[in-house]
Amino acid sequence: MLVTLYTSRVILQVLGIDDYGLYQTVGGVVGFLSFISNALATATSRFITFVLGRGGEKDLTNTFSTTLTTHILIGLGVALLAETMGLWYVYNKMVIPEERFDVALVVFHFSIITAFISIIQIPFNAQVIAHEKMSVFAYIGIYEAVSKLGIVYLISIGNWDKLIVYALLLFLVSLSMFIFYVLYCKNYFLETSFRLGIDKKLFKEIFCFSGWSLFANGAIALSNQGILLLLNLFFAPAVVTARSISLQVSNVAGQFVQNFRTAANPQIVKRFAAGDLQGSKNLLLDSTKYSYYLMLIIALPLFLLSEPLLNLWLVEVPEYTVVFLQIVVVQSLFQVFDSSFYTALYAKGRIRENALLSPTIIFICFPIVYLLFRFGASPVALSWAYLISYALLGMIIKPILINKIADYNWHEIYSVYKVCLFVSLTALPVPLYLYYSFGVNTFGGGMMVLVVSLLSVVVSVWMLGLSKDMRQRLLTAVKTRIF
């Protein structure tokens, strides 16, 4: 998380605004297709984990071969689409300085190859997560972070074209991660024996599941892109930049919590596949609370210290960035419930209703925000609209879906909300008092608010958010490691 925030700032400085914008624009043609890869990753991980929980090496080998063949075909399709329609768009529609056009083409081709590698890596990545080899998952994440630091250093030295070197090094990092995943899976998981072929019945199930996931991810990606165009229609480019920066920080913080969910989700699916429905429910509800606590630990200090942190991170902070970030941080707390409860539908394999409802709620924001802007509303209205949308999804829509589809009862669901609410209300008063009494614009005041915010959340979670049994287990674990 910290490396991502640091490198994004330094890369902007090293490449310069024009080349950084060029990379984001040209790479964005391929990057926009990332929602395809996200949908495929969701489906692949679910089916491999489900078969692993149910047992049967033959079924697992068949599932892996089918998913890998499917990903190779889709990867080739994405590459073909990008090298034809995407290339046409680069030549005919993009505004690129003539002296940088050849460089833009090189970057574009590297982006396509990197996207192809990322797509065919998905089944191997899913194998590691399904087998719960989280240490490997962590090490490869650390390797990626260190590699990004290395990239920052390498593009800052020498007289070569920094943009081409940047695209080349990102490709090499992606290739090395792919080779590692392939070799690790071949050595440690017997079912990783690839044969070119597709099980038609299994392919149909995966296609239906990933189709709904693809629809939802694509709709939300289009909506997010449309919102940025809407901001650009009514306000200066600096407002778009402010919104993008706030989302970047929020996404990095959200990924921190998502990695925790990555560790919990396989067990939820495996227990469901093995017929232990109550065990699957208990783990999902507990992991939802713990995900919320993790996000609250990040969200509270980030909300209170948003202005000094942005001033420290950026050379110049665009107008509205602070308030955008503060609202997005609150929104991220509701998104915890939205994404966590989705796992119940994901485990059962019933995501159709969610794929229809979630994008619809997000899409409704678009005409509402457009009308608000037409009548002279501030750009902050956009953030409030999205906050309300995710509150509806996390607090109303998802509970109804998991109650109707996955047989979660209302008492189980709202007991999670109650505990999280008590923890939040208990953690707030002292940090808020210090914030309004001493401020955060001085180093001493900022550090005091930071430390007290973290301690306040930790104490609230310990006293109210954990059961007596969990507190005892944590104490035992700490004593065992120390002594």
Foldseek 3Di string as FASTA:
>chain_A
DVLVLQLVLLVCVLQDVQLVVLLCVLLVLLVLCVLLLVLLLLLLLLVLLLDVLLDDLVVNLQSLQQSLLVLLVVLVVSLVCCVPVVVCCLVPPDDDPPVCSVVSVLLNNLSSLLSSLSSSLSNLVSVCLSVLVVVVVVVLVVVVSVLSVVLSVVLNDDDDNSSNSSSVSSSVSSVVSSVVSLVVCVVPPVSPDHDNDHDVVSVVLSCVLSVLSSLLSSLVSVLVVVLLVLCVVQHPVLVSVLLVVLVVVLVVLLVVLVSLVSSQLSVLLSCVSNVVLVVSLVSLLLSLLVSLLSLQLVLQLCLLCVVVVCVVSHVDRRPPNNVSNNLSSLLSSLVSLLVSLVSLCSSVSHCNVVSVPLSVLSNVLVVVVSVCVVVPHDPCVSSVSSSVSSNCNRPPVSVVCCCVPVVDDPVSVVVSVVLSVQLVVQLPDPLVVLCVPPNCPDPVSSVVSSVSSNVSSVVSCLVRVDDPVVNVVVVVVVVVVVD
